Amino acid sequence: PPPDLVVEIDITHTDIQKLELYAALGVPEFWRYDGQIWRIYTLENGTYRELENSPTFPNVPKLWLYEFLVAAREDELAAMRELQRRVRAIV
């Protein structure tokens, strides 16, 4: 079976059409960060639709993901702990 969620950090901008590939595999949710923009997609009727929030993690705002990536450049462990703290506070 396909994974429930694919997260891709795409800094190299490959020519492979990942959305079509993941749709063909039946991956229900796909996140992509291109170095500037974080996008969240959900698979509906064989094609992806962009969303503001993840259906898998609806209480985790995209802003937290941006903040995590920025903080992880300075101190990955501290960034991970802060993200975990935030998620635990809403679970």
PDB file of N, CA and C in Angstrom:
ATOM      1  N   PRO A   1       0.829  -1.209   0.000  1.00  0.00           N
ATOM      2  CA  PRO A   1       0.000   0.000   0.000  1.00  0.00           C
ATOM      3  C   PRO A   1       0.867   1.264   0.000  1.00  0.00           C
ATOM      4  N   PRO A   2       0.324   2.355  -0.496  1.00  0.00           N
ATOM      5  CA  PRO A   2       1.083   3.615  -0.500  1.00  0.00           C
ATOM      6  C   PRO A   2       1.168   4.196   0.909  1.00  0.00           C
ATOM      7  N   PRO A   3       2.137   5.074   1.146  1.00  0.00           N
ATOM      8  CA  PRO A   3       2.187   5.749   2.447  1.00  0.00           C
ATOM      9  C   PRO A   3       0.981   6.668   2.606  1.00  0.00           C
ATOM     10  N   ASP A   4       0.609   6.964   3.843  1.00  0.00           N
ATOM     11  CA  ASP A   4      -0.505   7.876   4.116  1.00  0.00           C
ATOM     12  C   ASP A   4      -0.146   9.318   3.802  1.00  0.00           C
ATOM     13  N   LEU A   5       1.142   9.640   3.921  1.00  0.00           N
ATOM     14  CA  LEU A   5       1.598  11.016   3.755  1.00  0.00           C
ATOM     15  C   LEU A   5       3.026  11.008   3.231  1.00  0.00           C
ATOM     16  N   VAL A   6       3.295  11.833   2.221  1.00  0.00           N
ATOM     17  CA  VAL A   6       4.654  12.039   1.717  1.00  0.00           C
ATOM     18  C   VAL A   6       5.024  13.486   1.997  1.00  0.00           C
ATOM     19  N   VAL A   7       6.212  13.696   2.594  1.00  0.00           N
ATOM     20  CA  VAL A   7       6.740  15.033   2.845  1.00  0.00           C
ATOM     21  C   VAL A   7       8.005  15.175   2.019  1.00  0.00           C
ATOM     22  N   GLU A   8       8.057  16.203   1.192  1.00  0.00           N
ATOM     23  CA  GLU A   8       9.201  16.404   0.303  1.00  0.00           C
ATOM     24  C   GLU A   8       9.784  17.794   0.501  1.00  0.00           C
ATOM     25  N   ILE A   9      11.080  17.847   0.730  1.00  0.00           N
ATOM     26  CA  ILE A   9      11.813  19.104   0.768  1.00  0.00           C
ATOM     27  C   ILE A   9      12.547  19.157  -0.564  1.00  0.00           C
ATOM     28  N   ASP A  10      12.039  19.950  -1.492  1.00  0.00           N
ATOM     29  CA  ASP A  10      12.525  19.967  -2.876  1.00  0.00           C
ATOM     30  C   ASP A  10      13.283  21.261  -3.143  1.00  0.00           C
ATOM     31  N   ILE A  11      14.575  21.255  -2.868  1.00  0.00           N
ATOM     32  CA  ILE A  11      15.392  22.438  -3.096  1.00  0.00           C
ATOM     33  C   ILE A  11      16.005  22.404  -4.495  1.00  0.00           C
ATOM     34  N   THR A  12      16.130  21.211  -5.078  1.00  0.00           N
ATOM     35  CA  THR A  12      16.792  21.067  -6.379  1.00  0.00           C
ATOM     36  C   THR A  12      15.858  21.273  -7.563  1.00  0.00           C
ATOM     37  N   HIS A  13      14.558  21.227  -7.346  1.00  0.00           N
ATOM     38  CA  HIS A  13      13.562  21.433  -8.407  1.00  0.00           C
ATOM     39  C   HIS A  13      13.766  20.465  -9.575  1.00  0.00           C
ATOM     40  N   THR A  14      13.602  19.187  -9.304  1.00  0.00           N
ATOM     41  CA  THR A  14      13.732  18.187 -10.353  1.00  0.00           C
ATOM     42  C   THR A  14      12.594  18.318 -11.357  1.00  0.00           C
ATOM     43  N   ASP A  15      12.787  17.754 -12.523  1.00  0.00           N
ATOM     44  CA  ASP A  15      11.780  17.812 -13.577  1.00  0.00           C
ATOM     45  C   ASP A  15      10.722  16.718 -13.443  1.00  0.00           C
ATOM     46  N   ILE A  16      10.899  15.828 -12.502  1.00  0.00           N
ATOM     47  CA  ILE A  16       9.936  14.743 -12.320  1.00  0.00           C
ATOM     48  C   ILE A  16       8.620  15.331 -11.813  1.00  0.00           C
ATOM     49  N   GLN A  17       7.532  14.949 -12.435  1.00  0.00           N
ATOM     50  CA  GLN A  17       6.206  15.423 -12.036  1.00  0.00           C
ATOM     51  C   GLN A  17       5.724  14.597 -10.848  1.00  0.00           C
ATOM     52  N   LYS A  18       6.125  15.019  -9.661  1.00  0.00           N
ATOM     53  CA  LYS A  18       5.853  14.241  -8.450  1.00  0.00           C
ATOM     54  C   LYS A  18       4.362  14.129  -8.145  1.00  0.00           C
ATOM     55  N   LEU A  19       3.603  15.189  -8.371  1.00  0.00           N
ATOM     56  CA  LEU A  19       2.168  15.109  -8.075  1.00  0.00           C
ATOM     57  C   LEU A  19       1.515  13.986  -8.866  1.00  0.00           C
ATOM     58  N   GLU A  20       1.855  13.886 -10.145  1.00  0.00           N
ATOM     59  CA  GLU A  20       1.267  12.827 -10.969  1.00  0.00           C
ATOM     60  C   GLU A  20       1.743  11.448 -10.530  1.00  0.00           C
ATOM     61  N   LEU A  21       3.019  11.359 -10.162  1.00  0.00           N
ATOM     62  CA  LEU A  21       3.569  10.091  -9.696  1.00  0.00           C
ATOM     63  C   LEU A  21       2.878   9.640  -8.411  1.00  0.00           C
ATOM     64  N   TYR A  22       2.779  10.534  -7.436  1.00  0.00           N
ATOM     65  CA  TYR A  22       2.148  10.172  -6.167  1.00  0.00           C
ATOM     66  C   TYR A  22       0.656   9.902  -6.337  1.00  0.00           C
ATOM     67  N   ALA A  23       0.001  10.622  -7.237  1.00  0.00           N
ATOM     68  CA  ALA A  23      -1.419  10.362  -7.510  1.00  0.00           C
ATOM     69  C   ALA A  23      -1.597   8.960  -8.085  1.00  0.00           C
ATOM     70  N   ALA A  24      -0.717   8.582  -9.014  1.00  0.00           N
ATOM     71  CA  ALA A  24      -0.797   7.248  -9.614  1.00  0.00           C
ATOM     72  C   ALA A  24      -0.576   6.156  -8.564  1.00  0.00           C
ATOM     73  N   LEU A  25       0.247   6.458  -7.568  1.00  0.00           N
ATOM     74  CA  LEU A  25       0.491   5.497  -6.487  1.00  0.00           C
ATOM     75  C   LEU A  25      -0.634   5.488  -5.452  1.00  0.00           C
ATOM     76  N   GLY A  26      -1.492   6.519  -5.485  1.00  0.00           N
ATOM     77  CA  GLY A  26      -2.603   6.604  -4.547  1.00  0.00           C
ATOM     78  C   GLY A  26      -2.241   7.190  -3.194  1.00  0.00           C
ATOM     79  N   VAL A  27      -1.189   8.027  -3.141  1.00  0.00           N
ATOM     80  CA  VAL A  27      -0.788   8.673  -1.886  1.00  0.00           C
ATOM     81  C   VAL A  27      -1.847   9.723  -1.546  1.00  0.00           C
ATOM     82  N   PRO A  28      -2.561   9.588  -0.416  1.00  0.00           N
ATOM     83  CA  PRO A  28      -3.683  10.487  -0.129  1.00  0.00           C
ATOM     84  C   PRO A  28      -3.293  11.918   0.240  1.00  0.00           C
ATOM     85  N   GLU A  29      -2.074  12.112   0.768  1.00  0.00           N
ATOM     86  CA  GLU A  29      -1.667  13.461   1.161  1.00  0.00           C
ATOM     87  C   GLU A  29      -0.186  13.656   0.855  1.00  0.00           C
ATOM     88  N   PHE A  30       0.133  14.842   0.360  1.00  0.00           N
ATOM     89  CA  PHE A  30       1.491  15.149  -0.088  1.00  0.00           C
ATOM     90  C   PHE A  30       1.838  16.563   0.340  1.00  0.00           C
ATOM     91  N   TRP A  31       2.976  16.721   1.025  1.00  0.00           N
ATOM     92  CA  TRP A  31       3.462  18.042   1.432  1.00  0.00           C
ATOM     93  C   TRP A  31       4.740  18.335   0.665  1.00  0.00           C
ATOM     94  N   ARG A  32       4.901  19.564   0.211  1.00  0.00           N
ATOM     95  CA  ARG A  32       6.128  19.951  -0.497  1.00  0.00           C
ATOM     96  C   ARG A  32       6.597  21.318  -0.006  1.00  0.00           C
ATOM     97  N   TYR A  33       7.896  21.402   0.287  1.00  0.00           N
ATOM     98  CA  TYR A  33       8.526  22.680   0.617  1.00  0.00           C
ATOM     99  C   TYR A  33       9.627  22.901  -0.406  1.00  0.00           C
ATOM    100  N   ASP A  34       9.578  24.035  -1.102  1.00  0.00           N
ATOM    101  CA  ASP A  34      10.542  24.301  -2.177  1.00  0.00           C
ATOM    102  C   ASP A  34      11.634  25.293  -1.777  1.00  0.00           C
ATOM    103  N   GLY A  35      11.772  25.524  -0.496  1.00  0.00           N
ATOM    104  CA  GLY A  35      12.752  26.486  -0.016  1.00  0.00           C
ATOM    105  C   GLY A  35      12.123  27.824   0.323  1.00  0.00           C
ATOM    106  N   GLN A  36      10.888  28.040  -0.150  1.00  0.00           N
ATOM    107  CA  GLN A  36      10.177  29.284   0.128  1.00  0.00           C
ATOM    108  C   GLN A  36       8.723  29.051   0.525  1.00  0.00           C
ATOM    109  N   ILE A  37       8.065  28.159  -0.183  1.00  0.00           N
ATOM    110  CA  ILE A  37       6.625  27.946   0.015  1.00  0.00           C
ATOM    111  C   ILE A  37       6.376  26.508   0.455  1.00  0.00           C
ATOM    112  N   TRP A  38       5.521  26.374   1.471  1.00  0.00           N
ATOM    113  CA  TRP A  38       5.096  25.063   1.957  1.00  0.00           C
ATOM    114  C   TRP A  38       3.704  24.810   1.390  1.00  0.00           C
ATOM    115  N   ARG A  39       3.555  23.718   0.654  1.00  0.00           N
ATOM    116  CA  ARG A  39       2.261  23.382   0.052  1.00  0.00           C
ATOM    117  C   ARG A  39       1.772  22.045   0.603  1.00  0.00           C
ATOM    118  N   ILE A  40       0.478  21.981   0.817  1.00  0.00           N
ATOM    119  CA  ILE A  40      -0.165  20.761   1.297  1.00  0.00           C
ATOM    120  C   ILE A  40      -1.228  20.379   0.272  1.00  0.00           C
ATOM    121  N   TYR A  41      -1.159  19.143  -0.195  1.00  0.00           N
ATOM    122  CA  TYR A  41      -2.098  18.653  -1.205  1.00  0.00           C
ATOM    123  C   TYR A  41      -2.835  17.432  -0.672  1.00  0.00           C
ATOM    124  N   THR A  42      -4.086  17.283  -1.097  1.00  0.00           N
ATOM    125  CA  THR A  42      -4.850  16.078  -0.799  1.00  0.00           C
ATOM    126  C   THR A  42      -5.368  15.503  -2.115  1.00  0.00           C
ATOM    127  N   LEU A  43      -5.391  14.188  -2.193  1.00  0.00           N
ATOM    128  CA  LEU A  43      -5.812  13.495  -3.408  1.00  0.00           C
ATOM    129  C   LEU A  43      -7.330  13.361  -3.427  1.00  0.00           C
ATOM    130  N   GLU A  44      -7.949  13.884  -4.488  1.00  0.00           N
ATOM    131  CA  GLU A  44      -9.398  13.792  -4.664  1.00  0.00           C
ATOM    132  C   GLU A  44      -9.699  13.402  -6.101  1.00  0.00           C
ATOM    133  N   ASN A  45     -10.345  12.276  -6.264  1.00  0.00           N
ATOM    134  CA  ASN A  45     -10.725  11.783  -7.594  1.00  0.00           C
ATOM    135  C   ASN A  45      -9.533  11.704  -8.538  1.00  0.00           C
ATOM    136  N   GLY A  46      -8.394  11.251  -8.015  1.00  0.00           N
ATOM    137  CA  GLY A  46      -7.221  11.018  -8.847  1.00  0.00           C
ATOM    138  C   GLY A  46      -6.332  12.220  -9.100  1.00  0.00           C
ATOM    139  N   THR A  47      -6.700  13.393  -8.592  1.00  0.00           N
ATOM    140  CA  THR A  47      -5.856  14.579  -8.753  1.00  0.00           C
ATOM    141  C   THR A  47      -5.692  15.270  -7.397  1.00  0.00           C
ATOM    142  N   TYR A  48      -4.616  16.050  -7.293  1.00  0.00           N
ATOM    143  CA  TYR A  48      -4.342  16.740  -6.038  1.00  0.00           C
ATOM    144  C   TYR A  48      -4.948  18.128  -6.025  1.00  0.00           C
ATOM    145  N   ARG A  49      -5.451  18.491  -4.846  1.00  0.00           N
ATOM    146  CA  ARG A  49      -5.988  19.824  -4.597  1.00  0.00           C
ATOM    147  C   ARG A  49      -5.185  20.414  -3.447  1.00  0.00           C
ATOM    148  N   GLU A  50      -4.757  21.671  -3.610  1.00  0.00           N
ATOM    149  CA  GLU A  50      -3.969  22.318  -2.568  1.00  0.00           C
ATOM    150  C   GLU A  50      -4.872  22.794  -1.432  1.00  0.00           C
ATOM    151  N   LEU A  51      -4.403  22.595  -0.194  1.00  0.00           N
ATOM    152  CA  LEU A  51      -5.139  22.986   1.005  1.00  0.00           C
ATOM    153  C   LEU A  51      -4.274  23.884   1.879  1.00  0.00           C
ATOM    154  N   GLU A  52      -4.907  24.594   2.778  1.00  0.00           N
ATOM    155  CA  GLU A  52      -4.171  25.404   3.755  1.00  0.00           C
ATOM    156  C   GLU A  52      -3.743  24.575   4.962  1.00  0.00           C
ATOM    157  N   ASN A  53      -4.538  23.572   5.323  1.00  0.00           N
ATOM    158  CA  ASN A  53      -4.231  22.734   6.481  1.00  0.00           C
ATOM    159  C   ASN A  53      -4.260  21.267   6.083  1.00  0.00           C
ATOM    160  N   SER A  54      -3.478  20.491   6.784  1.00  0.00           N
ATOM    161  CA  SER A  54      -3.388  19.063   6.528  1.00  0.00           C
ATOM    162  C   SER A  54      -4.619  18.329   7.049  1.00  0.00           C
ATOM    163  N   PRO A  55      -5.225  17.453   6.241  1.00  0.00           N
ATOM    164  CA  PRO A  55      -6.310  16.618   6.757  1.00  0.00           C
ATOM    165  C   PRO A  55      -5.805  15.632   7.824  1.00  0.00           C
ATOM    166  N   THR A  56      -4.548  15.225   7.713  1.00  0.00           N
ATOM    167  CA  THR A  56      -3.962  14.289   8.670  1.00  0.00           C
ATOM    168  C   THR A  56      -3.660  14.966  10.001  1.00  0.00           C
ATOM    169  N   PHE A  57      -3.188  16.219   9.936  1.00  0.00           N
ATOM    170  CA  PHE A  57      -2.846  16.991  11.132  1.00  0.00           C
ATOM    171  C   PHE A  57      -3.561  18.340  11.080  1.00  0.00           C
ATOM    172  N   PRO A  58      -4.890  18.355  11.206  1.00  0.00           N
ATOM    173  CA  PRO A  58      -5.651  19.592  11.006  1.00  0.00           C
ATOM    174  C   PRO A  58      -5.363  20.691  12.029  1.00  0.00           C
ATOM    175  N   ASN A  59      -4.845  20.328  13.192  1.00  0.00           N
ATOM    176  CA  ASN A  59      -4.572  21.324  14.232  1.00  0.00           C
ATOM    177  C   ASN A  59      -3.149  21.870  14.194  1.00  0.00           C
ATOM    178  N   VAL A  60      -2.363  21.445  13.209  1.00  0.00           N
ATOM    179  CA  VAL A  60      -0.985  21.929  13.080  1.00  0.00           C
ATOM    180  C   VAL A  60      -0.948  22.967  11.962  1.00  0.00           C
ATOM    181  N   PRO A  61      -0.834  24.243  12.308  1.00  0.00           N
ATOM    182  CA  PRO A  61      -0.812  25.292  11.283  1.00  0.00           C
ATOM    183  C   PRO A  61       0.459  25.231  10.432  1.00  0.00           C
ATOM    184  N   LYS A  62       0.325  25.621   9.165  1.00  0.00           N
ATOM    185  CA  LYS A  62       1.496  25.669   8.284  1.00  0.00           C
ATOM    186  C   LYS A  62       2.574  26.579   8.849  1.00  0.00           C
ATOM    187  N   LEU A  63       2.189  27.619   9.566  1.00  0.00           N
ATOM    188  CA  LEU A  63       3.161  28.534  10.161  1.00  0.00           C
ATOM    189  C   LEU A  63       4.134  27.779  11.062  1.00  0.00           C
ATOM    190  N   TRP A  64       3.656  26.793  11.798  1.00  0.00           N
ATOM    191  CA  TRP A  64       4.545  26.006  12.662  1.00  0.00           C
ATOM    192  C   TRP A  64       5.594  25.279  11.835  1.00  0.00           C
ATOM    193  N   LEU A  65       5.198  24.798  10.664  1.00  0.00           N
ATOM    194  CA  LEU A  65       6.149  24.086   9.811  1.00  0.00           C
ATOM    195  C   LEU A  65       7.236  25.034   9.314  1.00  0.00           C
ATOM    196  N   TYR A  66       6.845  26.233   8.907  1.00  0.00           N
ATOM    197  CA  TYR A  66       7.828  27.247   8.501  1.00  0.00           C
ATOM    198  C   TYR A  66       8.766  27.571   9.659  1.00  0.00           C
ATOM    199  N   GLU A  67       8.193  27.817  10.822  1.00  0.00           N
ATOM    200  CA  GLU A  67       9.004  28.173  11.988  1.00  0.00           C
ATOM    201  C   GLU A  67       9.967  27.048  12.353  1.00  0.00           C
ATOM    202  N   PHE A  68       9.505  25.809  12.230  1.00  0.00           N
ATOM    203  CA  PHE A  68      10.374  24.669  12.506  1.00  0.00           C
ATOM    204  C   PHE A  68      11.559  24.646  11.549  1.00  0.00           C
ATOM    205  N   LEU A  69      11.311  24.827  10.256  1.00  0.00           N
ATOM    206  CA  LEU A  69      12.398  24.790   9.276  1.00  0.00           C
ATOM    207  C   LEU A  69      13.416  25.895   9.517  1.00  0.00           C
ATOM    208  N   VAL A  70      12.946  27.084   9.835  1.00  0.00           N
ATOM    209  CA  VAL A  70      13.857  28.201  10.115  1.00  0.00           C
ATOM    210  C   VAL A  70      14.678  27.908  11.370  1.00  0.00           C
ATOM    211  N   ALA A  71      14.017  27.473  12.434  1.00  0.00           N
ATOM    212  CA  ALA A  71      14.706  27.195  13.696  1.00  0.00           C
ATOM    213  C   ALA A  71      15.672  26.018  13.565  1.00  0.00           C
ATOM    214  N   ALA A  72      15.324  25.028  12.752  1.00  0.00           N
ATOM    215  CA  ALA A  72      16.173  23.843  12.588  1.00  0.00           C
ATOM    216  C   ALA A  72      17.502  24.179  11.929  1.00  0.00           C
ATOM    217  N   ARG A  73      17.548  25.254  11.166  1.00  0.00           N
ATOM    218  CA  ARG A  73      18.823  25.666  10.564  1.00  0.00           C
ATOM    219  C   ARG A  73      19.819  26.095  11.634  1.00  0.00           C
ATOM    220  N   GLU A  74      19.301  26.624  12.732  1.00  0.00           N
ATOM    221  CA  GLU A  74      20.155  27.088  13.830  1.00  0.00           C
ATOM    222  C   GLU A  74      20.447  25.967  14.832  1.00  0.00           C
ATOM    223  N   ASP A  75      19.396  25.243  15.219  1.00  0.00           N
ATOM    224  CA  ASP A  75      19.536  24.202  16.240  1.00  0.00           C
ATOM    225  C   ASP A  75      18.438  23.173  16.012  1.00  0.00           C
ATOM    226  N   GLU A  76      18.778  22.110  15.309  1.00  0.00           N
ATOM    227  CA  GLU A  76      17.784  21.116  14.913  1.00  0.00           C
ATOM    228  C   GLU A  76      17.111  20.457  16.116  1.00  0.00           C
ATOM    229  N   LEU A  77      17.891  20.111  17.126  1.00  0.00           N
ATOM    230  CA  LEU A  77      17.324  19.447  18.295  1.00  0.00           C
ATOM    231  C   LEU A  77      16.353  20.366  19.037  1.00  0.00           C
ATOM    232  N   ALA A  78      16.734  21.618  19.235  1.00  0.00           N
ATOM    233  CA  ALA A  78      15.850  22.575  19.912  1.00  0.00           C
ATOM    234  C   ALA A  78      14.579  22.803  19.096  1.00  0.00           C
ATOM    235  N   ALA A  79      14.710  22.868  17.778  1.00  0.00           N
ATOM    236  CA  ALA A  79      13.543  23.057  16.911  1.00  0.00           C
ATOM    237  C   ALA A  79      12.598  21.867  17.024  1.00  0.00           C
ATOM    238  N   MET A  80      13.155  20.667  17.042  1.00  0.00           N
ATOM    239  CA  MET A  80      12.333  19.460  17.162  1.00  0.00           C
ATOM    240  C   MET A  80      11.604  19.440  18.505  1.00  0.00           C
ATOM    241  N   ARG A  81      12.307  19.799  19.557  1.00  0.00           N
ATOM    242  CA  ARG A  81      11.670  19.819  20.882  1.00  0.00           C
ATOM    243  C   ARG A  81      10.537  20.841  20.940  1.00  0.00           C
ATOM    244  N   GLU A  82      10.743  22.006  20.340  1.00  0.00           N
ATOM    245  CA  GLU A  82       9.697  23.035  20.340  1.00  0.00           C
ATOM    246  C   GLU A  82       8.479  22.577  19.539  1.00  0.00           C
ATOM    247  N   LEU A  83       8.699  21.962  18.390  1.00  0.00           N
ATOM    248  CA  LEU A  83       7.580  21.457  17.595  1.00  0.00           C
ATOM    249  C   LEU A  83       6.833  20.373  18.369  1.00  0.00           C
ATOM    250  N   GLN A  84       7.562  19.472  19.009  1.00  0.00           N
ATOM    251  CA  GLN A  84       6.922  18.432  19.821  1.00  0.00           C
ATOM    252  C   GLN A  84       6.109  19.048  20.956  1.00  0.00           C
ATOM    253  N   ARG A  85       6.647  20.074  21.611  1.00  0.00           N
ATOM    254  CA  ARG A  85       5.938  20.737  22.703  1.00  0.00           C
ATOM    255  C   ARG A  85       4.622  21.324  22.202  1.00  0.00           C
ATOM    256  N   ARG A  86       4.672  21.987  21.047  1.00  0.00           N
ATOM    257  CA  ARG A  86       3.461  22.596  20.489  1.00  0.00           C
ATOM    258  C   ARG A  86       2.417  21.546  20.142  1.00  0.00           C
ATOM    259  N   VAL A  87       2.863  20.468  19.512  1.00  0.00           N
ATOM    260  CA  VAL A  87       1.923  19.417  19.101  1.00  0.00           C
ATOM    261  C   VAL A  87       1.306  18.755  20.330  1.00  0.00           C
ATOM    262  N   ARG A  88       2.107  18.479  21.334  1.00  0.00           N
ATOM    263  CA  ARG A  88       1.567  17.865  22.560  1.00  0.00           C
ATOM    264  C   ARG A  88       0.538  18.767  23.234  1.00  0.00           C
ATOM    265  N   ALA A  89       0.722  20.065  23.126  1.00  0.00           N
ATOM    266  CA  ALA A  89      -0.205  21.011  23.757  1.00  0.00           C
ATOM    267  C   ALA A  89      -1.590  20.985  23.109  1.00  0.00           C
ATOM    268  N   ILE A  90      -1.675  20.550  21.865  1.00  0.00           N
ATOM    269  CA  ILE A  90      -2.974  20.536  21.176  1.00  0.00           C
ATOM    270  C   ILE A  90      -3.572  19.142  21.062  1.00  0.00           C
ATOM    271  N   VAL A  91      -2.822  18.127  21.445  1.00  0.00           N
ATOM    272  CA  VAL A  91      -3.319  16.748  21.324  1.00  0.00           C
ATOM    273  C   VAL A  91      -4.073  16.350  22.569  1.00  0.00           C
TER     274      VAL A  91
END
